[in-house]
Amino acid sequence: MASEQHQREATERTPLTTTQYTTGDATSTSNNLLRSNDDHDDSSQIIGTTSSTHTHTARYYRFTSSVLNPFAALHKIPERGGQVTGLLRRSAVLPSHGTDVTKRWVLVSVGGRSGWARRKLIGTNTANNNLSIQSNLSEASAIGGFEPAPEFRQMEAWMGNHVFLCNGRIMLGSDAPLFFVTNALMLSGIFGYLFRIVPQMREYEDTQYSIDTEEVDLVECLVWFLAIWSFVFLWLSAVIDPGILPAYSSPFRPLPPTNCAIGGPLGHKYCSTCNIFRPPRSKHCNSCNVCVSKFDHHCPWVGNCIGERNYRYFFLFLMVISLLTLIVTVSCARLIYIVTLSNSNSSSSSSTGTTTSMDHDDDDIFTNTTTTTTDADADTTAMQEVVNVVVSMPFLVIMCMFTFLCMWSLTSLTLYHAMIISAAQTTNERVRNVYQVGKLHNPANKGCCRNWGNAFCSNRPPSRLPNFHDVVVCPHVGEEMVLTQDNFTMYANKHRNGNSSSVSGSTSSGGVSPVKSVRPMPETA
């Protein structure tokens, strides 16, 4: 049993070759985590070694958040009591670019944000470590430290604000709780209609104001069909990668892409958070904390960004849920009308009576007079019947009003997206008036028919994300690079000259220090 379990765990792991981890640049290692092997760039050969007898390897470090250590501080310079430029407020695995001369600090990056972090030195006693075990214990207990991460899951190195389920097999957006609220509202409404209102509709099948049995069966089947597909498209919109552009974890800004425009509404733009030059029509989502290709908007009800890869499923969800709310609203309103007419007819037939009065004249002659009267006029009776329906069937009335409001808003939203699909625009571009203000030509606009065909019939681009369930094994072979004043400058120059990546990388930013605030290691530290 133990051997079988070991084999199953081994199949889930993603071992990385030694060459991927024998470079001095941790950013090349982080790129390999989130890209396929055929997307390997030349940045893995940037630094090499600073000594002919040692190999400096890039490494990963893990910070574990706890009650005693809820966050990790990142510093501008590797000195105790130095300026704190940012805080890491959750557990994470970050790539390291090297240590200081004392090996008590490591330079880590989260997307385009970098800083010096304290190492966890408990139980270590190296030649370059001048601290005692007792001082290490006191320091580590006061401030959470980073420890080497020889093995971790891909989702641990992801710094977007996403929620992972089933050990990384499912990734939801930053508004995952609200996404489950959406599911709960839909389930309660659908089951309430099918098991509470549909039986009430069948009670009036044999009355004077009856509903045909075939009509009730047809409505019930349509509701089941649309409800199933609405959940299918909702979950597809939520779990499919919207087109995330992975960040580039490095303390240095990458070179801009060549042979393309930089800046402007139709050019590549630099994202300081993700440290990439994102392509046109993409945008950084502040909620999910990632850049998304062909960004449309962030939908809190779906809990995810709507972008290039999941927009078609989002629009299909809008169409299906709009039609579903329309059918439910019309059927509920018709049932209210039938119940009102039925109650009004029964009450009017029993409210007509005959009264007899006796009049005495001067000749003492008694005369019998017969008159026919009604309790109230027609308008008052109709209003009373409506009130009686509201009192006797409150769930039916509430369902009708709720679905009417949903139908109104969802139908309006569906028509709006149909309009921007016809114009080959995104919600982000429409709101910002990208093409209206500057009178720019939209290169994506190929005509109404072709725009709809491109939106729903074109091939969906492949995802740039890895399998977050995979386990990454990092063989820490050789010594870690020591960053000094001299080799830090060489490291920066070679990195800038060798890197031309614009949309590749590993982790997205989490609230840590900006690139410009990181300073090289002083010789006296």
Protein backbone atom coordinates (compact mmCIF):
# COMPACT_ATOMS: atom_id res chain seq x y z
CA MET A 1 0.00 0.00 0.00
CA ALA A 2 2.80 2.42 0.82
CA SER A 3 4.54 1.82 -2.50
CA GLU A 4 1.31 2.30 -4.45
CA GLN A 5 0.63 5.58 -2.66
CA HIS A 6 4.19 6.73 -3.39
CA GLN A 7 3.71 5.94 -7.08
CA ARG A 8 0.44 7.88 -7.22
CA GLU A 9 2.08 10.90 -5.59
CA ALA A 10 5.01 10.67 -7.99
CA THR A 11 2.70 10.80 -11.02
CA GLU A 12 1.20 14.07 -9.75
CA ARG A 13 4.58 15.78 -9.43
CA THR A 14 6.23 17.91 -12.08
CA PRO A 15 9.98 17.47 -11.73
CA LEU A 16 12.10 20.22 -13.25
CA THR A 17 15.44 19.50 -14.84
CA THR A 18 18.67 20.63 -13.20
CA THR A 19 19.41 23.06 -16.03
CA GLN A 20 16.25 24.91 -15.23
CA TYR A 21 17.48 25.47 -11.71
CA THR A 22 21.19 26.02 -12.25
CA THR A 23 20.93 29.63 -13.37
CA GLY A 24 21.42 32.72 -11.32
CA ASP A 25 18.10 34.20 -12.42
CA ALA A 26 15.09 33.06 -10.45
CA THR A 27 12.74 34.68 -12.90
CA SER A 28 13.66 32.19 -15.60
CA THR A 29 12.75 29.42 -13.20
CA SER A 30 9.42 31.00 -12.36
CA ASN A 31 8.63 31.37 -16.04
CA ASN A 32 9.10 27.64 -16.55
CA LEU A 33 6.54 26.96 -13.86
CA LEU A 34 3.73 28.52 -15.81
CA ARG A 35 4.70 27.95 -19.41
CA SER A 36 5.05 24.95 -21.61
CA ASN A 37 8.47 23.62 -22.56
CA ASP A 38 8.21 24.97 -26.10
CA ASP A 39 7.79 28.52 -24.73
CA HIS A 40 11.23 28.63 -23.14
CA ASP A 41 13.12 31.89 -23.60
CA ASP A 42 16.79 32.78 -23.43
CA SER A 43 16.64 34.34 -19.97
CA SER A 44 17.68 31.05 -18.39
CA GLN A 45 21.28 31.74 -19.45
CA ILE A 46 21.52 35.31 -18.17
CA ILE A 47 23.72 35.08 -15.12
CA GLY A 48 25.43 31.74 -14.94
CA THR A 49 27.91 31.73 -12.09
CA THR A 50 30.09 34.30 -10.38
CA SER A 51 32.75 31.75 -9.56
CA SER A 52 34.41 29.07 -11.60
CA THR A 53 34.05 26.53 -8.79
CA HIS A 54 30.42 27.03 -7.71
CA THR A 55 27.01 26.81 -9.37
CA HIS A 56 24.44 29.30 -8.14
CA THR A 57 20.91 28.02 -8.33
CA ALA A 58 17.62 29.87 -8.27
CA ARG A 59 15.36 28.81 -5.43
CA TYR A 60 11.90 29.17 -4.04
CA TYR A 61 11.02 30.21 -0.52
CA ARG A 62 7.85 29.59 1.41
CA PHE A 63 6.21 31.88 3.92
CA THR A 64 3.57 30.28 6.12
CA SER A 65 1.10 32.65 7.70
CA SER A 66 -0.03 31.82 11.23
CA VAL A 67 -1.70 33.44 14.20
CA LEU A 68 1.66 34.46 15.67
CA ASN A 69 3.10 35.49 12.29
CA PRO A 70 0.16 36.71 10.14
CA PHE A 71 2.36 38.56 7.65
CA ALA A 72 5.91 38.87 6.36
CA ALA A 73 7.64 42.22 5.97
CA LEU A 74 9.66 43.04 2.86
CA HIS A 75 12.41 45.62 3.25
CA LYS A 76 14.07 48.13 0.99
CA ILE A 77 17.55 47.06 2.12
CA PRO A 78 18.64 43.87 3.93
CA GLU A 79 19.02 45.43 7.34
CA ARG A 80 17.17 44.85 10.57
CA GLY A 81 15.00 47.85 11.37
CA GLY A 82 15.21 49.13 7.80
CA GLN A 83 12.40 50.65 5.82
CA VAL A 84 9.49 48.27 5.30
CA THR A 85 8.19 48.64 1.76
CA GLY A 86 5.43 46.06 1.81
CA LEU A 87 3.70 43.24 3.64
CA LEU A 88 2.85 39.76 2.43
CA ARG A 89 -0.40 38.95 4.22
CA ARG A 90 -0.89 35.28 3.35
CA SER A 91 1.00 32.06 2.87
CA ALA A 92 2.86 31.92 -0.42
CA VAL A 93 5.83 30.48 -2.30
CA LEU A 94 8.00 33.12 -3.95
CA PRO A 95 11.03 32.93 -6.27
CA SER A 96 14.33 34.10 -4.83
CA HIS A 97 17.05 35.95 -6.74
CA GLY A 98 19.82 35.51 -4.15
CA THR A 99 20.86 36.24 -0.60
CA ASP A 100 22.94 38.86 1.15
CA VAL A 101 26.46 38.18 2.40
CA THR A 102 25.19 37.12 5.83
CA LYS A 103 22.65 34.76 4.24
CA ARG A 104 20.01 36.03 6.62
CA TRP A 105 18.07 37.82 3.89
CA VAL A 106 16.72 36.75 0.50
CA LEU A 107 15.58 38.93 -2.38
CA VAL A 108 12.12 37.71 -3.43
CA SER A 109 9.71 38.93 -6.12
CA VAL A 110 5.97 38.86 -6.52
CA GLY A 111 5.25 39.90 -10.07
CA GLY A 112 6.71 43.39 -10.45
CA ARG A 113 7.13 43.89 -6.71
CA SER A 114 10.32 42.87 -4.93
CA GLY A 115 11.92 43.20 -1.52
CA TRP A 116 14.35 41.73 0.98
CA ALA A 117 12.79 39.16 3.31
CA ARG A 118 14.18 37.46 6.40
CA ARG A 119 15.20 33.86 6.12
CA LYS A 120 14.07 31.32 8.64
CA LEU A 121 17.35 30.30 10.27
CA ILE A 122 16.08 27.92 12.94
CA GLY A 123 18.37 24.92 13.23
CA THR A 124 21.01 26.19 10.74
CA ASN A 125 24.65 26.81 11.55
CA THR A 126 26.60 27.85 8.46
CA ALA A 127 30.04 29.43 8.25
CA ASN A 128 28.57 32.75 7.21
CA ASN A 129 26.02 32.77 10.00
CA ASN A 130 27.23 34.72 13.03
CA LEU A 131 24.01 34.35 15.01
CA SER A 132 23.57 31.77 17.73
CA ILE A 133 20.75 29.26 17.83
CA GLN A 134 19.17 31.13 20.71
CA SER A 135 19.13 34.44 18.83
CA ASN A 136 17.73 32.69 15.77
CA LEU A 137 14.88 31.27 17.82
CA SER A 138 14.02 34.63 19.31
CA GLU A 139 14.19 36.43 15.96
CA ALA A 140 12.15 33.83 14.08
CA SER A 141 9.52 33.73 16.80
CA ALA A 142 9.09 37.50 16.62
CA ILE A 143 8.99 37.86 12.82
CA GLY A 144 7.83 35.24 10.36
CA GLY A 145 10.62 34.05 8.12
CA PHE A 146 10.97 32.45 4.70
CA GLU A 147 12.21 28.89 4.42
CA PRO A 148 13.30 26.97 1.31
CA ALA A 149 10.51 25.25 -0.60
CA PRO A 150 11.98 22.22 -2.36
CA GLU A 151 8.49 20.99 -3.25
CA PHE A 152 5.19 22.83 -3.65
CA ARG A 153 2.01 22.87 -5.68
CA GLN A 154 1.61 25.27 -8.55
CA MET A 155 -1.26 27.06 -6.80
CA GLU A 156 1.03 28.01 -3.89
CA ALA A 157 3.17 30.11 -6.23
CA TRP A 158 0.15 31.91 -7.67
CA MET A 159 -0.37 35.35 -6.20
CA GLY A 160 -3.61 36.36 -7.91
CA ASN A 161 -6.63 36.78 -5.67
CA HIS A 162 -8.19 33.54 -6.85
CA VAL A 163 -9.80 30.74 -4.88
CA PHE A 164 -8.67 27.16 -5.51
CA LEU A 165 -10.80 24.09 -4.89
CA CYS A 166 -9.86 20.40 -4.91
CA ASN A 167 -6.12 21.06 -4.47
CA GLY A 168 -5.89 23.34 -7.48
CA ARG A 169 -8.07 21.37 -9.90
CA ILE A 170 -10.68 24.17 -9.92
CA MET A 171 -9.82 27.88 -9.92
CA LEU A 172 -12.49 30.47 -9.19
CA GLY A 173 -12.22 34.23 -9.29
CA SER A 174 -11.75 36.62 -6.41
CA ASP A 175 -15.52 36.92 -5.79
CA ALA A 176 -16.05 33.19 -5.26
CA PRO A 177 -18.35 33.71 -2.21
CA LEU A 178 -20.69 35.89 -4.27
CA PHE A 179 -20.59 33.28 -7.02
CA PHE A 180 -21.98 30.70 -4.61
CA VAL A 181 -24.64 33.23 -3.54
CA THR A 182 -25.66 33.41 -7.20
CA ASN A 183 -25.98 29.63 -7.31
CA ALA A 184 -28.05 29.62 -4.12
CA LEU A 185 -30.43 32.29 -5.45
CA MET A 186 -30.91 30.42 -8.71
CA LEU A 187 -31.48 27.10 -7.00
CA SER A 188 -34.00 28.50 -4.53
CA GLY A 189 -35.92 30.30 -7.26
CA ILE A 190 -35.99 27.36 -9.65
CA PHE A 191 -37.01 24.77 -7.06
CA GLY A 192 -39.55 27.17 -5.54
CA TYR A 193 -41.16 27.60 -8.94
CA LEU A 194 -41.13 23.92 -9.90
CA PHE A 195 -42.30 22.48 -6.57
CA ARG A 196 -44.50 25.30 -5.27
CA ILE A 197 -45.97 27.29 -8.16
CA VAL A 198 -46.33 24.57 -10.81
CA PRO A 199 -48.57 22.46 -8.48
CA GLN A 200 -50.74 25.56 -7.94
CA MET A 201 -51.05 25.93 -11.71
CA ARG A 202 -52.29 22.36 -11.95
CA GLU A 203 -55.03 23.08 -9.38
CA TYR A 204 -56.73 25.39 -11.88
CA GLU A 205 -56.67 22.99 -14.81
CA ASP A 206 -60.35 21.96 -14.41
CA THR A 207 -61.83 25.30 -13.39
CA GLN A 208 -63.73 27.85 -15.48
CA TYR A 209 -60.56 29.91 -15.95
CA SER A 210 -58.35 26.93 -16.50
CA ILE A 211 -54.79 26.43 -17.81
CA ASP A 212 -54.30 23.70 -20.36
CA THR A 213 -52.50 20.64 -19.08
CA GLU A 214 -50.29 20.57 -22.16
CA GLU A 215 -49.32 24.18 -21.53
CA VAL A 216 -48.30 23.47 -17.93
CA ASP A 217 -46.24 20.45 -19.04
CA LEU A 218 -44.52 22.53 -21.73
CA VAL A 219 -43.66 25.33 -19.31
CA GLU A 220 -42.29 22.85 -16.78
CA CYS A 221 -40.07 21.16 -19.37
CA LEU A 222 -38.79 24.52 -20.63
CA VAL A 223 -37.93 25.63 -17.11
CA TRP A 224 -36.02 22.41 -16.43
CA PHE A 225 -34.15 22.69 -19.74
CA LEU A 226 -33.21 26.35 -19.31
CA ALA A 227 -32.29 25.89 -15.65
CA ILE A 228 -29.81 23.13 -16.44
CA TRP A 229 -28.14 25.10 -19.21
CA SER A 230 -28.02 28.26 -17.13
CA PHE A 231 -25.97 26.43 -14.49
CA VAL A 232 -23.75 24.92 -17.17
CA PHE A 233 -22.91 28.29 -18.71
CA LEU A 234 -22.59 29.93 -15.30
CA TRP A 235 -19.99 27.43 -14.14
CA LEU A 236 -18.15 27.54 -17.47
CA SER A 237 -17.89 31.32 -17.15
CA ALA A 238 -16.62 30.97 -13.58
CA VAL A 239 -14.05 28.17 -13.88
CA ILE A 240 -12.60 28.80 -17.36
CA ASP A 241 -9.48 30.92 -17.53
CA PRO A 242 -10.66 34.28 -18.94
CA GLY A 243 -7.31 34.83 -20.66
CA ILE A 244 -4.96 35.65 -17.79
CA LEU A 245 -1.53 36.96 -18.72
CA PRO A 246 0.89 35.57 -16.09
CA ALA A 247 3.06 38.14 -14.38
CA TYR A 248 6.84 38.27 -14.66
CA SER A 249 8.47 37.93 -11.24
CA SER A 250 11.64 39.98 -11.32
CA PRO A 251 13.12 43.03 -9.61
CA PHE A 252 13.85 44.48 -13.06
CA ARG A 253 11.54 45.84 -15.69
CA PRO A 254 11.49 43.81 -18.93
CA LEU A 255 12.31 45.31 -22.29
CA PRO A 256 9.34 46.45 -24.38
CA PRO A 257 8.33 44.22 -27.30
CA THR A 258 9.69 45.11 -30.70
CA ASN A 259 7.85 45.80 -33.97
CA CYS A 260 4.69 47.01 -32.24
CA ALA A 261 3.28 50.23 -30.87
CA ILE A 262 3.95 51.11 -27.22
CA GLY A 263 1.32 53.06 -25.36
CA GLY A 264 -1.91 54.55 -26.60
CA PRO A 265 -5.30 52.84 -26.92
CA LEU A 266 -4.05 50.37 -29.55
CA GLY A 267 -0.54 49.70 -28.27
CA HIS A 268 1.19 47.58 -25.67
CA LYS A 269 1.10 49.04 -22.16
CA TYR A 270 3.37 48.34 -19.23
CA CYS A 271 1.74 46.97 -16.08
CA SER A 272 3.88 47.75 -13.03
CA THR A 273 1.97 45.25 -10.90
CA CYS A 274 2.48 42.26 -13.20
CA ASN A 275 5.77 43.57 -14.66
CA ILE A 276 4.75 42.82 -18.24
CA PHE A 277 3.90 44.71 -21.41
CA ARG A 278 0.33 43.60 -21.95
CA PRO A 279 -1.08 43.51 -25.50
CA PRO A 280 -3.83 45.83 -26.79
CA ARG A 281 -7.40 45.43 -25.44
CA SER A 282 -6.10 43.80 -22.25
CA LYS A 283 -6.38 45.31 -18.79
CA HIS A 284 -5.32 44.69 -15.21
CA CYS A 285 -8.23 43.60 -13.02
CA ASN A 286 -7.86 45.10 -9.56
CA SER A 287 -10.25 42.57 -8.07
CA CYS A 288 -8.49 39.41 -9.30
CA ASN A 289 -5.10 41.20 -9.39
CA VAL A 290 -4.11 39.86 -12.82
CA CYS A 291 -3.95 41.14 -16.37
CA VAL A 292 -6.59 39.67 -18.68
CA SER A 293 -6.43 39.48 -22.46
CA LYS A 294 -9.32 41.23 -24.24
CA PHE A 295 -10.71 42.24 -20.87
CA ASP A 296 -14.45 42.94 -20.91
CA HIS A 297 -15.33 43.44 -17.24
CA HIS A 298 -15.21 41.78 -13.84
CA CYS A 299 -18.56 40.20 -12.99
CA PRO A 300 -19.06 39.78 -9.22
CA TRP A 301 -22.09 37.50 -9.71
CA VAL A 302 -20.00 35.08 -11.78
CA GLY A 303 -17.09 35.76 -9.43
CA ASN A 304 -14.60 35.94 -12.28
CA CYS A 305 -13.23 38.23 -14.96
CA ILE A 306 -14.91 38.09 -18.35
CA GLY A 307 -12.33 38.07 -21.08
CA GLU A 308 -11.19 36.51 -24.31
CA ARG A 309 -11.62 32.85 -23.34
CA ASN A 310 -14.94 32.85 -21.42
CA TYR A 311 -16.92 35.72 -22.95
CA ARG A 312 -19.03 33.49 -25.20
CA TYR A 313 -20.15 31.38 -22.24
CA PHE A 314 -21.02 34.49 -20.28
CA PHE A 315 -23.22 35.81 -23.11
CA LEU A 316 -24.93 32.42 -23.49
CA PHE A 317 -25.58 32.45 -19.76
CA LEU A 318 -27.22 35.88 -20.09
CA MET A 319 -29.43 34.69 -22.94
CA VAL A 320 -30.57 31.54 -21.16
CA ILE A 321 -31.19 33.16 -17.77
CA SER A 322 -33.07 36.06 -19.41
CA LEU A 323 -35.38 33.65 -21.23
CA LEU A 324 -35.84 31.63 -18.04
CA THR A 325 -36.86 34.66 -15.97
CA LEU A 326 -39.21 35.78 -18.76
CA ILE A 327 -41.05 32.44 -18.78
CA VAL A 328 -41.30 32.33 -14.99
CA THR A 329 -42.54 35.93 -14.78
CA VAL A 330 -45.22 35.49 -17.45
CA SER A 331 -46.49 32.21 -15.99
CA CYS A 332 -46.63 33.65 -12.46
CA ALA A 333 -48.47 36.77 -13.66
CA ARG A 334 -50.95 34.65 -15.58
CA LEU A 335 -51.61 32.47 -12.55
CA ILE A 336 -52.26 35.58 -10.42
CA TYR A 337 -54.73 36.81 -13.06
CA ILE A 338 -56.56 33.48 -13.19
CA VAL A 339 -56.80 33.21 -9.41
CA THR A 340 -58.11 36.78 -9.21
CA LEU A 341 -60.81 36.14 -11.84
CA SER A 342 -61.81 32.87 -10.24
CA ASN A 343 -62.20 34.42 -6.79
CA SER A 344 -64.02 37.45 -8.21
CA ASN A 345 -66.51 35.28 -10.08
CA SER A 346 -67.29 33.15 -7.02
CA SER A 347 -67.65 36.15 -4.71
CA SER A 348 -69.88 38.13 -7.11
CA SER A 349 -72.29 35.24 -7.53
CA SER A 350 -72.76 34.94 -3.76
CA SER A 351 -72.91 38.67 -2.99
CA THR A 352 -76.21 39.38 -4.87
CA GLY A 353 -79.26 39.23 -2.56
CA THR A 354 -82.98 40.25 -2.25
CA THR A 355 -84.26 42.57 0.48
CA THR A 356 -87.93 43.31 1.39
CA SER A 357 -89.10 46.58 2.97
CA MET A 358 -92.51 47.69 4.32
CA ASP A 359 -93.81 51.25 3.83
CA HIS A 360 -96.84 52.71 5.67
CA ASP A 361 -98.84 55.45 4.01
CA ASP A 362 -101.57 57.68 5.34
CA ASP A 363 -104.27 55.16 4.45
CA ASP A 364 -102.53 52.44 6.53
CA ILE A 365 -101.93 50.44 3.43
CA PHE A 366 -98.81 48.24 3.56
CA THR A 367 -96.79 47.89 0.39
CA ASN A 368 -94.04 45.32 -0.23
CA THR A 369 -91.03 46.61 -2.18
CA THR A 370 -88.31 44.30 -3.55
CA THR A 371 -84.84 45.74 -4.52
CA THR A 372 -81.64 44.14 -5.79
CA THR A 373 -78.32 45.58 -4.51
CA THR A 374 -74.57 44.78 -4.66
CA ASP A 375 -71.99 44.99 -1.85
CA ALA A 376 -69.52 47.22 -3.73
CA ASP A 377 -68.81 48.47 -7.16
CA ALA A 378 -66.70 46.54 -9.66
CA ASP A 379 -63.43 48.45 -9.07
CA THR A 380 -63.54 47.97 -5.33
CA THR A 381 -64.29 44.27 -5.76
CA ALA A 382 -61.37 43.78 -8.15
CA MET A 383 -58.98 45.54 -5.78
CA GLN A 384 -60.16 43.41 -2.90
CA GLU A 385 -59.60 40.26 -4.92
CA VAL A 386 -56.05 41.32 -5.76
CA VAL A 387 -55.39 41.93 -2.08
CA ASN A 388 -56.89 38.53 -1.27
CA VAL A 389 -54.53 36.88 -3.74
CA VAL A 390 -51.54 38.67 -2.21
CA VAL A 391 -52.59 37.55 1.27
CA SER A 392 -53.47 33.97 0.30
CA MET A 393 -50.53 33.41 -2.11
CA PRO A 394 -47.61 35.59 -0.95
CA PHE A 395 -44.93 33.31 -2.40
CA LEU A 396 -46.48 33.52 -5.86
CA VAL A 397 -46.58 37.31 -5.78
CA ILE A 398 -43.03 37.64 -4.42
CA MET A 399 -41.72 35.24 -7.07
CA CYS A 400 -43.46 37.20 -9.81
CA MET A 401 -42.03 40.54 -8.64
CA PHE A 402 -38.52 39.15 -8.10
CA THR A 403 -38.30 37.45 -11.49
CA PHE A 404 -39.71 40.56 -13.18
CA LEU A 405 -36.90 42.70 -11.77
CA CYS A 406 -34.33 40.07 -12.76
CA MET A 407 -35.83 39.78 -16.23
CA TRP A 408 -35.72 43.55 -16.72
CA SER A 409 -32.07 43.91 -15.72
CA LEU A 410 -30.83 40.72 -17.40
CA THR A 411 -32.63 41.42 -20.67
CA SER A 412 -31.19 44.95 -20.75
CA LEU A 413 -27.71 43.57 -20.10
CA THR A 414 -28.13 40.94 -22.82
CA LEU A 415 -29.19 43.55 -25.37
CA TYR A 416 -26.24 45.73 -24.39
CA HIS A 417 -23.76 42.92 -24.95
CA ALA A 418 -25.45 42.06 -28.24
CA MET A 419 -24.84 45.67 -29.30
CA ILE A 420 -21.13 45.65 -28.41
CA ILE A 421 -20.66 42.24 -30.07
CA SER A 422 -22.09 43.73 -33.27
CA ALA A 423 -19.54 46.55 -32.99
CA ALA A 424 -16.65 44.21 -32.00
CA GLN A 425 -16.01 46.12 -28.78
CA THR A 426 -15.63 45.22 -25.12
CA THR A 427 -17.41 46.76 -22.15
CA ASN A 428 -14.13 48.30 -21.03
CA GLU A 429 -13.62 49.94 -24.42
CA ARG A 430 -17.24 51.07 -24.62
CA VAL A 431 -17.21 52.66 -21.16
CA ARG A 432 -13.92 54.46 -21.86
CA ASN A 433 -15.09 55.59 -25.33
CA VAL A 434 -11.86 54.37 -26.87
CA TYR A 435 -13.05 54.58 -30.46
CA GLN A 436 -15.62 57.36 -30.12
CA VAL A 437 -13.45 60.07 -28.52
CA GLY A 438 -10.36 59.74 -30.68
CA LYS A 439 -12.34 58.66 -33.76
CA LEU A 440 -10.01 55.70 -34.06
CA HIS A 441 -10.63 52.84 -36.41
CA ASN A 442 -11.44 49.57 -34.65
CA PRO A 443 -9.27 46.92 -36.34
CA ALA A 444 -11.41 44.16 -34.82
CA ASN A 445 -14.61 45.39 -36.50
CA LYS A 446 -15.18 43.20 -39.57
CA GLY A 447 -18.89 43.84 -39.98
CA CYS A 448 -21.86 42.72 -37.91
CA CYS A 449 -22.12 39.16 -39.24
CA ARG A 450 -18.40 38.44 -39.09
CA ASN A 451 -18.20 39.95 -35.61
CA TRP A 452 -20.81 37.53 -34.33
CA GLY A 453 -19.02 34.69 -36.07
CA ASN A 454 -15.70 35.63 -34.49
CA ALA A 455 -17.31 35.89 -31.07
CA PHE A 456 -18.89 32.43 -31.09
CA CYS A 457 -17.35 30.34 -33.88
CA SER A 458 -13.65 31.21 -33.72
CA ASN A 459 -11.16 28.94 -32.00
CA ARG A 460 -10.62 29.75 -28.36
CA PRO A 461 -6.96 30.64 -27.71
CA PRO A 462 -5.04 28.26 -25.42
CA SER A 463 -4.61 29.09 -21.78
CA ARG A 464 -1.26 30.43 -20.55
CA LEU A 465 -1.80 28.97 -17.08
CA PRO A 466 -0.38 25.70 -15.75
CA ASN A 467 -2.14 22.84 -14.06
CA PHE A 468 -2.31 24.23 -10.54
CA HIS A 469 -2.77 20.75 -9.10
CA ASP A 470 0.71 19.65 -10.19
CA VAL A 471 3.50 19.36 -7.63
CA VAL A 472 6.74 21.11 -8.56
CA VAL A 473 9.97 19.52 -7.31
CA CYS A 474 12.86 21.99 -7.08
CA PRO A 475 16.27 20.33 -6.65
CA HIS A 476 18.31 22.87 -4.68
CA VAL A 477 21.69 21.91 -6.11
CA GLY A 478 24.73 24.09 -5.50
CA GLU A 479 25.08 27.34 -3.64
CA GLU A 480 22.64 30.18 -3.77
CA MET A 481 23.85 33.39 -5.40
CA VAL A 482 25.16 36.03 -3.00
CA LEU A 483 24.21 39.52 -4.13
CA THR A 484 26.84 42.20 -3.48
CA GLN A 485 27.28 45.71 -4.82
CA ASP A 486 29.33 44.50 -7.78
CA ASN A 487 27.52 41.41 -8.95
CA PHE A 488 24.11 43.00 -8.32
CA THR A 489 24.93 45.61 -10.98
CA MET A 490 26.16 42.89 -13.34
CA TYR A 491 23.04 40.87 -12.57
CA ALA A 492 20.84 43.83 -13.48
CA ASN A 493 22.67 44.65 -16.70
CA LYS A 494 22.72 41.10 -18.02
CA HIS A 495 19.12 40.61 -17.03
CA ARG A 496 17.95 43.71 -18.92
CA ASN A 497 20.02 42.83 -21.99
CA GLY A 498 18.87 39.24 -22.11
CA ASN A 499 15.19 39.64 -21.32
CA SER A 500 12.70 40.65 -23.98
CA SER A 501 9.65 38.84 -22.64
CA SER A 502 6.49 40.92 -22.52
CA VAL A 503 3.62 38.68 -21.45
CA SER A 504 5.26 35.68 -19.79
CA GLY A 505 5.95 34.97 -16.16
CA SER A 506 4.92 33.09 -13.09
CA THR A 507 3.22 34.89 -10.29
CA SER A 508 0.94 37.82 -9.90
CA SER A 509 1.49 40.59 -7.46
CA GLY A 510 0.39 40.68 -3.90
CA GLY A 511 0.90 43.98 -1.88
CA VAL A 512 4.64 44.27 -1.66
CA SER A 513 7.24 46.88 -2.48
CA PRO A 514 7.63 48.32 -5.98
CA VAL A 515 10.64 47.56 -8.16
CA LYS A 516 12.31 50.95 -7.80
CA SER A 517 12.41 50.75 -3.99
CA VAL A 518 14.75 47.73 -3.94
CA ARG A 519 18.41 48.64 -3.42
CA PRO A 520 21.52 46.47 -3.88
CA MET A 521 23.25 44.85 -0.95
CA PRO A 522 25.80 47.14 0.78
CA GLU A 523 29.27 45.68 1.23
CA THR A 524 29.17 46.23 4.99
CA ALA A 525 25.84 44.45 5.58
